[in-house]
Amino acid sequence: MKIRCILIFSIILFAQIVTAAKYNILDYGAVENENATQAIQEAVDECHSNGGGIVLVPAGKFIIGTVTLKSYVNLHLQQGAELIGSLNRADYLVSFRRHGMILCEDAIQVSITGDGIIDGRGTAFYDSTQNHVYDEFDRNLTRQKEGYMPEGEFYSDGPIKRLPMPGMCITFYHCSQVHLTDFTLKDTPIWAIRLAYCEDVYVDGLTIRNNLMVPNSDGIHSTASRNVRISNCDIRAGDDAIIVTGFDINENTPNYSTLEQEAHTYGNKSIYTENFIVTNCHLQSRSSGIRVGYGQHPIRRCIFSNIEIYGSNRGIGIFAHDISDIEELIFSDIIIETRLHNGQWWGNGEPIHISAICRFEGFSAGQVKNVQFNNIIATGEHGLIFYGMETSQLENIRLNNVHLKIKKGMETLTYGGNFDLRPAASIEKQIFEHDIPGLYAQYVNGLFIDDLSIDWDEDLPSFFTNAIECVNVNDLFIDRLDAEQNPACNDCEIIKLERTMFKTY
């Protein structure tokens, strides 16, 4: 049924492209290799005023600052067409924040389609000879002490130093019925695509190629949106590749307000970030391949399937670091390969990470509950982490047919043997020394493990320890476990339990 619906949509969209009124940007004065912002904006404005249609970008290279899309407009990039970001920051629109190349706000039935390219030229806004660093942890709390990310060293994995730059490359705020298909987006200076307070979004066949050394160059980042489908995308990002968050417009407050939603006609009017389907994607990230969490709005009902994550600092990350809950998530048929990266990237090589720890002083994090991991094959340089707090416990976490291989990497001794829970209100919980079991769980109510295997490289250091370690776990169920402790750790156990009770039937 899903395949049939996608096929029907593709036929409808193709029919619209063939029959709709077309507004060729050349007719509005666009000239190759020159700034075409005004010409494209005039084409968009006239298309919108006439009831909608297609703004056609033909083959050729056109420089732009910020172009504002409007309702019923399809920006279509023909094969060979390239929209190239201006290197002059004055060409980018400034309102409550500086924008990037394409902005759309409070609109319906908007789309970007075609086989062309959008090139943000983001690397030009960075100094590739210097590190991007900031004060967010205490080296003395790490296993390596002053040897952890030592000052004065250039980190070969990045991130590189940010200079003044444009905003997020493509942004949709409070939009309904958004369609993004087929084009290539590359080298954005910060988030490639942001979907904020949007509803009914269809993303298919995108290729995103960001500079892996550039910090915060997320792939597709959805904030407080609902009814979103992302499929058949190939994303390489210098931060998280696909992100589902509940961020309000003001990201650094613990609570949300509905006034922002009420002030607009379109987009998500509910309090929830919900109803996501992500499938058939190929992801690489300097942080998480898939990230769910952060933000004030609760998140629920997300399905991720048939995905490959490779070369990432984390595979799947679920983060209740605000006061809102995250629930009803399913991850199925996913292959994960992670490794430790040097430099100030979040993550420590975990294939799967769940944490509930608030980033605001004096507040408790929301819960993470009702999460399934089915048919997962993972290779990484860290174990799995399920990290709840006494005041923010995880609930009903299920692993079914999960196979984990833990290996030694180039940065295992220089960065390994630590937990990374950033962002957290307490610096003691940002990055800190911790032994690494195959699976570590604490403060979980209902941990169900059925068919889990754990293999270890033979030359791992002894801070890799038990196969499974549980602390303050209620209702632990384990069946069909194929695992041993790290062979290099003589005093370790297959299963180590502390204040933990098994599930009985």
Protein backbone atom coordinates (compact mmCIF):
# COMPACT_ATOMS: atom_id res chain seq x y z
CA MET A 1 0.00 0.00 0.00
CA LYS A 2 2.83 2.42 0.85
CA ILE A 3 4.61 1.72 -2.45
CA ARG A 4 1.38 2.26 -4.36
CA CYS A 5 0.78 5.59 -2.58
CA ILE A 6 4.28 6.78 -3.42
CA LEU A 7 3.81 5.77 -7.06
CA ILE A 8 0.50 7.63 -7.26
CA PHE A 9 2.10 10.72 -5.70
CA SER A 10 4.99 10.56 -8.20
CA ILE A 11 2.58 10.38 -11.12
CA ILE A 12 0.58 13.33 -9.78
CA LEU A 13 3.71 15.38 -9.21
CA PHE A 14 5.04 14.58 -12.71
CA ALA A 15 1.70 15.58 -14.19
CA GLN A 16 1.82 18.86 -12.31
CA ILE A 17 5.32 19.59 -13.59
CA VAL A 18 4.25 18.90 -17.18
CA THR A 19 1.00 20.89 -17.14
CA ALA A 20 1.56 23.71 -14.63
CA ALA A 21 2.40 27.25 -15.65
CA LYS A 22 6.16 27.74 -15.88
CA TYR A 23 8.22 30.78 -14.95
CA ASN A 24 11.74 30.46 -16.35
CA ILE A 25 14.18 32.53 -14.32
CA LEU A 26 15.99 33.56 -17.52
CA ASP A 27 12.89 35.54 -18.47
CA TYR A 28 13.30 37.59 -15.30
CA GLY A 29 16.90 38.55 -15.92
CA ALA A 30 18.86 35.70 -14.39
CA VAL A 31 22.35 35.47 -15.88
CA GLU A 32 24.75 32.59 -15.45
CA ASN A 33 27.57 33.09 -12.92
CA GLU A 34 26.00 36.30 -11.64
CA ASN A 35 23.79 37.03 -8.66
CA ALA A 36 20.28 35.91 -9.65
CA THR A 37 18.55 36.43 -6.32
CA GLN A 38 16.28 39.24 -7.49
CA ALA A 39 15.40 37.50 -10.75
CA ILE A 40 14.43 34.28 -9.02
CA GLN A 41 12.47 36.17 -6.37
CA GLU A 42 10.50 38.02 -9.05
CA ALA A 43 9.68 34.70 -10.73
CA VAL A 44 8.53 33.23 -7.41
CA ASP A 45 6.42 36.29 -6.60
CA GLU A 46 4.66 36.30 -9.96
CA CYS A 47 4.10 32.54 -9.87
CA HIS A 48 2.53 32.86 -6.43
CA SER A 49 0.41 35.87 -7.41
CA ASN A 50 -0.99 33.96 -10.39
CA GLY A 51 -2.10 31.04 -8.25
CA GLY A 52 1.02 28.89 -8.40
CA GLY A 53 3.07 26.86 -10.81
CA ILE A 54 6.71 26.09 -11.51
CA VAL A 55 9.67 28.38 -11.18
CA LEU A 56 12.10 26.77 -13.58
CA VAL A 57 15.86 26.89 -13.07
CA PRO A 58 17.45 25.72 -16.35
CA ALA A 59 20.90 24.22 -16.78
CA GLY A 60 23.58 26.68 -15.70
CA LYS A 61 25.18 28.14 -12.59
CA PHE A 62 23.30 30.91 -10.77
CA ILE A 63 24.50 32.68 -7.62
CA ILE A 64 21.92 33.52 -4.96
CA GLY A 65 21.56 34.91 -1.46
CA THR A 66 18.19 34.33 0.23
CA VAL A 67 15.20 33.48 -1.98
CA THR A 68 11.80 33.34 -0.25
CA LEU A 69 9.46 30.60 -1.50
CA LYS A 70 5.71 31.07 -1.29
CA SER A 71 2.55 28.97 -1.39
CA TYR A 72 1.79 26.86 -4.46
CA VAL A 73 5.28 27.37 -5.92
CA ASN A 74 7.45 24.49 -7.11
CA LEU A 75 11.10 25.50 -7.48
CA HIS A 76 12.26 23.01 -10.10
CA LEU A 77 15.96 22.48 -10.84
CA GLN A 78 16.49 20.97 -14.24
CA GLN A 79 19.37 18.58 -14.75
CA GLY A 80 22.54 20.65 -14.97
CA ALA A 81 21.06 23.53 -12.96
CA GLU A 82 23.08 24.81 -9.99
CA LEU A 83 22.10 27.37 -7.39
CA ILE A 84 25.32 28.53 -5.76
CA GLY A 85 25.43 30.34 -2.44
CA SER A 86 26.76 33.88 -2.47
CA LEU A 87 29.97 34.49 -0.51
CA ASN A 88 28.69 37.94 0.49
CA ARG A 89 26.81 37.67 3.80
CA ALA A 90 24.91 40.88 2.95
CA ASP A 91 23.00 38.88 0.31
CA TYR A 92 21.30 36.78 2.97
CA LEU A 93 18.04 37.87 4.57
CA VAL A 94 18.12 38.87 8.22
CA SER A 95 15.00 38.80 10.41
CA PHE A 96 15.06 37.09 13.82
CA ARG A 97 18.16 35.30 12.53
CA ARG A 98 20.30 35.32 9.43
CA HIS A 99 18.88 32.95 6.82
CA GLY A 100 20.47 30.85 4.13
CA MET A 101 19.71 30.26 0.46
CA ILE A 102 16.01 29.31 0.54
CA LEU A 103 13.44 30.45 3.10
CA CYS A 104 9.76 29.56 3.27
CA GLU A 105 7.43 30.65 6.07
CA ASP A 106 3.70 30.16 6.68
CA ALA A 107 3.04 28.57 3.30
CA ILE A 108 1.19 25.60 1.83
CA GLN A 109 1.94 23.32 -1.13
CA VAL A 110 5.56 24.32 -1.62
CA SER A 111 8.21 22.15 -3.21
CA ILE A 112 11.76 21.92 -4.44
CA THR A 113 12.23 19.26 -7.09
CA GLY A 114 14.46 18.19 -9.94
CA ASP A 115 17.89 16.74 -10.55
CA GLY A 116 19.88 19.95 -10.06
CA ILE A 117 22.30 21.02 -7.35
CA ILE A 118 22.17 23.52 -4.50
CA ASP A 119 25.71 24.38 -3.43
CA GLY A 120 26.03 26.38 -0.19
CA ARG A 121 29.81 26.87 -0.48
CA GLY A 122 29.82 26.56 3.28
CA THR A 123 33.48 25.66 3.69
CA ALA A 124 34.36 29.20 2.60
CA PHE A 125 32.96 30.42 5.92
CA TYR A 126 35.39 28.35 8.00
CA ASP A 127 39.09 28.43 8.80
CA SER A 128 40.29 24.94 7.92
CA THR A 129 43.60 25.48 9.72
CA GLN A 130 42.10 25.91 13.22
CA ASN A 131 39.95 23.85 15.57
CA HIS A 132 36.38 24.69 16.51
CA VAL A 133 36.41 24.29 20.29
CA TYR A 134 34.36 25.54 23.22
CA ASP A 135 34.32 25.05 26.98
CA GLU A 136 31.86 22.28 27.88
CA PHE A 137 33.72 19.58 29.84
CA ASP A 138 36.45 19.03 32.43
CA ARG A 139 39.43 17.01 31.20
CA ASN A 140 40.18 15.92 34.76
CA LEU A 141 36.96 13.88 34.75
CA THR A 142 38.01 11.86 31.71
CA ARG A 143 40.09 8.69 31.71
CA GLN A 144 42.92 10.42 29.86
CA LYS A 145 42.93 13.59 32.04
CA GLU A 146 45.04 16.29 30.31
CA GLY A 147 45.70 13.87 27.47
CA TYR A 148 42.05 14.05 26.41
CA MET A 149 41.74 16.34 23.39
CA PRO A 150 44.97 18.15 24.36
CA GLU A 151 45.20 21.86 23.72
CA GLY A 152 47.40 22.99 20.85
CA GLU A 153 46.81 19.89 18.73
CA PHE A 154 45.00 20.10 15.38
CA TYR A 155 42.30 17.43 15.25
CA SER A 156 42.32 15.56 11.98
CA ASP A 157 38.60 14.70 12.23
CA GLY A 158 37.60 18.33 12.85
CA PRO A 159 35.56 20.32 13.54
CA ILE A 160 37.19 23.36 11.99
CA LYS A 161 36.77 26.92 13.21
CA ARG A 162 33.60 28.79 12.31
CA LEU A 163 33.71 32.33 10.89
CA PRO A 164 30.74 34.70 10.34
CA MET A 165 28.44 32.88 7.93
CA PRO A 166 24.93 32.67 6.43
CA GLY A 167 22.13 30.81 8.21
CA MET A 168 20.61 27.37 7.66
CA CYS A 169 20.67 26.60 3.95
CA ILE A 170 17.02 25.61 3.35
CA THR A 171 14.43 26.46 6.01
CA PHE A 172 10.69 25.87 6.17
CA TYR A 173 8.85 27.48 9.08
CA HIS A 174 5.15 26.78 9.73
CA CYS A 175 4.52 25.17 6.35
CA SER A 176 2.06 22.48 5.25
CA GLN A 177 2.38 20.04 2.35
CA VAL A 178 6.10 20.39 1.69
CA HIS A 179 7.69 18.23 -1.00
CA LEU A 180 11.46 17.89 -1.49
CA THR A 181 12.61 15.41 -4.09
CA ASP A 182 15.63 14.32 -6.10
CA PHE A 183 18.00 17.30 -5.90
CA THR A 184 21.53 17.36 -4.47
CA LEU A 185 22.45 19.70 -1.63
CA LYS A 186 26.10 20.14 -0.79
CA ASP A 187 28.58 22.03 1.37
CA THR A 188 26.16 23.93 3.57
CA PRO A 189 27.68 26.18 6.26
CA ILE A 190 25.32 24.92 8.98
CA TRP A 191 22.11 22.83 8.92
CA ALA A 192 21.32 21.75 5.37
CA ILE A 193 17.52 21.52 5.75
CA ARG A 194 15.37 22.65 8.67
CA LEU A 195 11.70 21.76 8.93
CA ALA A 196 10.27 23.80 11.82
CA TYR A 197 6.63 23.50 12.91
CA CYS A 198 5.79 21.89 9.57
CA GLU A 199 3.08 19.35 8.77
CA ASP A 200 2.71 16.81 5.95
CA VAL A 201 6.24 16.72 4.61
CA TYR A 202 7.48 14.36 1.90
CA VAL A 203 11.23 14.02 1.29
CA ASP A 204 12.50 11.51 -1.25
CA GLY A 205 15.67 10.84 -3.18
CA LEU A 206 17.80 13.67 -1.81
CA THR A 207 21.58 13.58 -1.77
CA ILE A 208 23.30 15.71 0.88
CA ARG A 209 27.08 16.02 0.75
CA ASN A 210 28.38 18.27 3.49
CA ASN A 211 31.96 18.81 4.57
CA LEU A 212 32.50 16.32 7.40
CA MET A 213 34.89 18.79 9.07
CA VAL A 214 32.22 21.51 9.39
CA PRO A 215 30.46 21.65 12.80
CA ASN A 216 26.65 21.67 12.96
CA SER A 217 26.28 20.90 9.26
CA ASP A 218 23.28 18.66 9.98
CA GLY A 219 21.50 16.88 7.16
CA ILE A 220 17.70 16.95 7.54
CA HIS A 221 16.77 18.49 10.89
CA SER A 222 13.09 18.52 11.82
CA THR A 223 11.95 20.57 14.81
CA ALA A 224 8.43 20.40 16.26
CA SER A 225 6.98 18.99 13.02
CA ARG A 226 4.57 16.16 12.36
CA ASN A 227 3.53 13.76 9.60
CA VAL A 228 6.94 13.56 7.94
CA ARG A 229 8.18 10.87 5.55
CA ILE A 230 11.85 10.70 4.53
CA SER A 231 12.94 7.99 2.11
CA ASN A 232 15.71 6.99 -0.28
CA CYS A 233 18.17 9.67 0.87
CA ASP A 234 21.97 9.56 0.93
CA ILE A 235 23.29 11.95 3.58
CA ARG A 236 26.83 12.73 4.72
CA ALA A 237 26.87 15.42 7.36
CA GLY A 238 29.37 17.08 9.71
CA ASP A 239 26.81 16.60 12.47
CA ASP A 240 23.67 14.50 12.86
CA ALA A 241 22.36 13.17 9.55
CA ILE A 242 18.61 12.82 10.23
CA ILE A 243 17.22 14.56 13.30
CA VAL A 244 13.83 14.64 15.00
CA THR A 245 13.65 17.23 17.78
CA GLY A 246 10.99 19.14 19.67
CA PHE A 247 12.75 22.50 19.65
CA ASP A 248 10.75 25.66 20.12
CA ILE A 249 11.94 28.77 18.25
CA ASN A 250 13.80 29.67 21.46
CA GLU A 251 15.91 26.56 21.87
CA ASN A 252 17.48 27.44 25.21
CA THR A 253 14.44 27.49 27.50
CA PRO A 254 13.01 24.45 29.32
CA ASN A 255 9.35 25.08 28.38
CA TYR A 256 7.49 25.78 25.16
CA SER A 257 4.76 28.22 24.23
CA THR A 258 2.01 27.68 21.65
CA LEU A 259 1.95 31.40 20.75
CA GLU A 260 4.43 30.82 17.93
CA GLN A 261 2.15 28.21 16.38
CA GLU A 262 -1.01 30.25 16.89
CA ALA A 263 0.52 33.25 15.11
CA HIS A 264 0.74 31.35 11.80
CA THR A 265 -1.85 29.93 9.43
CA TYR A 266 -0.10 26.73 8.41
CA GLY A 267 2.10 24.03 9.89
CA ASN A 268 1.93 21.88 12.99
CA LYS A 269 -0.73 23.11 15.42
CA SER A 270 -0.38 20.25 17.90
CA ILE A 271 2.00 20.21 20.84
CA TYR A 272 3.65 17.02 19.53
CA THR A 273 6.55 16.22 17.28
CA GLU A 274 5.10 13.02 15.86
CA ASN A 275 4.37 10.59 13.04
CA PHE A 276 7.74 10.19 11.35
CA ILE A 277 8.67 7.47 8.90
CA VAL A 278 12.28 7.25 7.75
CA THR A 279 13.25 4.42 5.41
CA ASN A 280 15.80 3.27 2.86
CA CYS A 281 18.49 5.81 3.74
CA HIS A 282 22.30 5.75 3.71
CA LEU A 283 23.79 7.93 6.47
CA GLN A 284 27.19 9.16 7.63
CA SER A 285 27.75 11.62 10.44
CA ARG A 286 30.39 13.10 12.71
CA SER A 287 27.77 12.77 15.46
CA SER A 288 24.60 10.60 15.27
CA GLY A 289 23.38 8.98 12.09
CA ILE A 290 19.87 9.21 13.57
CA ARG A 291 19.11 11.55 16.44
CA VAL A 292 15.78 11.72 18.25
CA GLY A 293 15.45 14.21 21.06
CA TYR A 294 16.23 17.55 22.61
CA GLY A 295 13.61 20.23 22.57
CA GLN A 296 10.61 21.29 24.56
CA HIS A 297 7.81 19.58 22.62
CA PRO A 298 7.19 15.87 23.35
CA ILE A 299 8.18 13.42 20.63
CA ARG A 300 6.28 10.25 19.75
CA ARG A 301 5.40 7.71 17.04
CA CYS A 302 8.51 7.46 14.89
CA ILE A 303 9.54 4.50 12.71
CA PHE A 304 13.02 4.04 11.21
CA SER A 305 13.72 1.08 8.93
CA ASN A 306 16.05 -0.28 6.25
CA ILE A 307 18.88 2.14 7.02
CA GLU A 308 22.66 1.94 6.85
CA ILE A 309 24.73 4.13 9.17
CA TYR A 310 28.48 4.12 8.68
CA GLY A 311 31.59 6.02 9.75
CA SER A 312 29.66 7.88 12.46
CA ASN A 313 30.49 8.95 15.99
CA ARG A 314 27.16 7.47 17.07
CA GLY A 315 24.65 5.31 15.28
CA ILE A 316 21.26 5.92 16.87
CA GLY A 317 20.93 8.51 19.63
CA ILE A 318 17.79 9.15 21.72
CA PHE A 319 18.15 12.10 24.07
CA ALA A 320 15.59 13.23 26.65
CA HIS A 321 17.65 16.22 27.78
CA ASP A 322 14.69 18.56 28.19
CA ILE A 323 11.61 18.11 30.37
CA SER A 324 9.49 16.56 27.59
CA ASP A 325 8.90 12.84 27.01
CA ILE A 326 10.00 10.72 24.05
CA GLU A 327 7.97 7.59 23.32
CA GLU A 328 6.75 5.02 20.80
CA LEU A 329 9.85 4.61 18.65
CA ILE A 330 10.68 1.61 16.44
CA PHE A 331 14.07 0.99 14.79
CA SER A 332 14.19 -2.02 12.47
CA ASP A 333 16.51 -3.62 9.93
CA ILE A 334 19.44 -1.26 10.46
CA ILE A 335 23.16 -1.79 9.91
CA ILE A 336 25.41 0.44 12.03
CA GLU A 337 29.15 1.03 11.93
CA THR A 338 30.62 3.60 14.32
CA ARG A 339 34.08 4.81 15.28
CA LEU A 340 35.58 7.28 17.72
CA HIS A 341 36.52 10.61 16.17
CA ASN A 342 39.03 13.03 17.60
CA GLY A 343 38.10 16.67 18.17
CA GLN A 344 35.05 18.13 19.86
CA TRP A 345 32.30 15.99 18.38
CA TRP A 346 29.52 14.65 20.60
CA GLY A 347 29.52 10.89 20.97
CA ASN A 348 32.03 8.17 21.78
CA GLY A 349 31.45 5.53 19.15
CA GLU A 350 28.21 4.07 20.60
CA PRO A 351 26.08 2.19 18.05
CA ILE A 352 23.00 2.91 20.21
CA HIS A 353 22.69 5.55 22.93
CA ILE A 354 19.68 6.46 25.07
CA SER A 355 19.98 9.01 27.84
CA ALA A 356 17.56 10.98 30.01
CA ILE A 357 19.43 13.75 31.78
CA CYS A 358 18.30 17.37 31.82
CA ARG A 359 20.42 20.15 30.34
CA PHE A 360 18.70 22.77 32.55
CA GLU A 361 19.79 23.25 36.14
CA GLY A 362 17.02 22.46 38.62
CA PHE A 363 14.84 20.48 36.18
CA SER A 364 14.34 16.75 35.65
CA ALA A 365 14.43 15.29 32.17
CA GLY A 366 11.40 13.71 30.57
CA GLN A 367 11.12 9.96 30.13
CA VAL A 368 12.10 7.77 27.21
CA LYS A 369 9.62 4.92 26.96
CA ASN A 370 8.32 2.23 24.63
CA VAL A 371 11.32 1.91 22.30
CA GLN A 372 12.10 -1.14 20.14
CA PHE A 373 15.28 -2.15 18.32
CA ASN A 374 14.64 -5.02 15.90
CA ASN A 375 17.11 -6.76 13.60
CA ILE A 376 20.14 -4.56 14.23
CA ILE A 377 23.69 -5.43 13.11
CA ALA A 378 26.19 -3.10 14.75
CA THR A 379 29.96 -2.75 14.78
CA GLY A 380 31.46 -0.05 16.95
CA GLU A 381 34.20 1.12 19.27
CA HIS A 382 31.87 1.42 22.28
CA GLY A 383 28.99 -0.53 23.79
CA LEU A 384 25.30 0.26 23.96
CA ILE A 385 24.20 2.82 26.57
CA PHE A 386 20.76 3.06 28.19
CA TYR A 387 21.31 5.79 30.78
CA GLY A 388 18.38 6.89 32.90
CA MET A 389 18.40 8.90 36.10
CA GLU A 390 16.50 8.22 39.30
CA THR A 391 14.19 11.15 38.54
CA SER A 392 13.99 10.38 34.77
CA GLN A 393 13.84 6.63 34.30
CA LEU A 394 13.72 4.83 30.97
CA GLU A 395 10.75 2.53 30.46
CA ASN A 396 10.03 -0.51 28.29
CA ILE A 397 13.18 -0.73 26.16
CA ARG A 398 13.25 -3.80 23.90
CA LEU A 399 16.08 -5.41 21.91
CA ASN A 400 15.12 -8.16 19.51
CA ASN A 401 17.74 -9.83 17.31
CA VAL A 402 20.63 -7.42 17.93
CA HIS A 403 24.19 -8.36 17.02
CA LEU A 404 27.05 -6.22 18.34
CA LYS A 405 30.76 -6.38 17.52
CA ILE A 406 33.03 -4.16 19.63
CA LYS A 407 36.37 -3.35 18.03
CA LYS A 408 39.48 -1.35 18.79
CA GLY A 409 40.09 1.79 16.74
CA MET A 410 42.76 4.41 16.21
CA GLU A 411 41.36 6.64 18.99
CA THR A 412 40.40 3.96 21.52
CA LEU A 413 43.23 4.77 23.93
CA THR A 414 43.14 8.55 23.41
CA TYR A 415 39.34 9.01 23.65
CA GLY A 416 37.87 5.69 24.81
CA GLY A 417 36.77 4.57 28.23
CA ASN A 418 34.44 7.52 28.76
CA PHE A 419 30.72 8.22 28.68
CA ASP A 420 29.54 11.30 26.78
CA LEU A 421 26.16 12.60 27.95
CA ARG A 422 26.34 16.11 26.52
CA PRO A 423 24.49 18.38 26.90
CA ALA A 424 23.89 18.08 30.64
CA ALA A 425 23.38 20.73 33.31
CA SER A 426 26.20 19.32 35.42
CA ILE A 427 29.72 19.36 34.01
CA GLU A 428 30.33 16.08 35.87
CA LYS A 429 27.86 14.42 33.50
CA GLN A 430 29.19 15.86 30.24
CA ILE A 431 32.16 13.59 29.56
CA PHE A 432 33.45 11.35 32.32
CA GLU A 433 35.49 8.20 32.88
CA HIS A 434 33.45 5.00 32.82
CA ASP A 435 34.14 1.35 32.07
CA ILE A 436 32.55 0.12 28.84
CA PRO A 437 30.34 -2.98 28.99
CA GLY A 438 28.79 -4.40 25.84
CA LEU A 439 25.47 -3.09 27.13
CA TYR A 440 25.19 -0.71 30.07
CA ALA A 441 21.75 0.09 31.54
CA GLN A 442 20.76 2.11 34.59
CA TYR A 443 17.42 3.28 35.95
CA VAL A 444 15.33 1.34 33.47
CA ASN A 445 11.85 -0.01 34.21
CA GLY A 446 11.41 -2.88 31.80
CA LEU A 447 14.46 -3.95 29.77
CA PHE A 448 13.64 -6.86 27.44
CA ILE A 449 16.49 -8.60 25.61
CA ASP A 450 15.71 -11.41 23.18
CA ASP A 451 18.45 -12.74 20.90
CA LEU A 452 21.46 -10.54 21.64
CA SER A 453 25.01 -11.46 20.65
CA ILE A 454 28.16 -9.57 21.66
CA ASP A 455 31.62 -10.19 20.21
CA TRP A 456 34.86 -8.48 21.26
CA ASP A 457 38.11 -7.80 19.47
CA GLU A 458 40.93 -9.70 21.17
CA ASP A 459 43.19 -6.68 21.73
CA LEU A 460 40.74 -4.39 23.53
CA PRO A 461 41.97 -2.63 26.70
CA SER A 462 40.64 -3.82 30.05
CA PHE A 463 38.28 -0.85 30.51
CA PHE A 464 36.00 -2.81 28.18
CA THR A 465 34.35 -5.10 30.71
CA ASN A 466 31.17 -7.12 31.14
CA ALA A 467 28.86 -8.25 28.37
CA ILE A 468 25.83 -6.77 30.18
CA GLU A 469 25.85 -4.50 33.22
CA CYS A 470 22.64 -3.31 34.84
CA VAL A 471 22.26 -0.91 37.75
CA ASN A 472 18.84 -0.09 39.20
CA VAL A 473 16.94 -1.96 36.51
CA ASN A 474 13.49 -3.34 37.29
CA ASP A 475 11.89 -6.12 35.25
CA LEU A 476 14.97 -7.31 33.35
CA PHE A 477 14.25 -10.09 30.85
CA ILE A 478 17.02 -11.90 28.96
CA ASP A 479 16.55 -14.76 26.53
CA ARG A 480 18.86 -16.19 23.87
CA LEU A 481 22.02 -14.35 24.91
CA ASP A 482 25.22 -15.26 23.06
CA ALA A 483 27.95 -13.27 24.78
CA GLU A 484 31.02 -13.38 26.98
CA GLN A 485 32.88 -10.70 28.89
CA ASN A 486 35.84 -8.93 27.29
CA PRO A 487 38.61 -11.59 27.14
CA ALA A 488 41.17 -8.99 28.30
CA CYS A 489 39.25 -8.35 31.56
CA ASN A 490 39.96 -11.20 33.99
CA ASP A 491 37.58 -10.08 36.73
CA CYS A 492 34.61 -9.28 34.50
CA GLU A 493 31.34 -11.14 34.13
CA ILE A 494 28.93 -12.04 31.38
CA ILE A 495 26.08 -10.42 33.31
CA LYS A 496 26.74 -8.04 36.21
CA LEU A 497 23.74 -6.85 38.17
CA GLU A 498 23.39 -4.24 40.90
CA ARG A 499 20.03 -3.46 42.49
CA THR A 500 18.36 -5.19 39.57
CA MET A 501 15.35 -7.52 39.48
CA PHE A 502 14.49 -10.00 36.75
CA LYS A 503 11.10 -10.09 35.11
CA THR A 504 9.05 -13.08 36.23
CA TYR A 505 6.11 -14.64 34.41
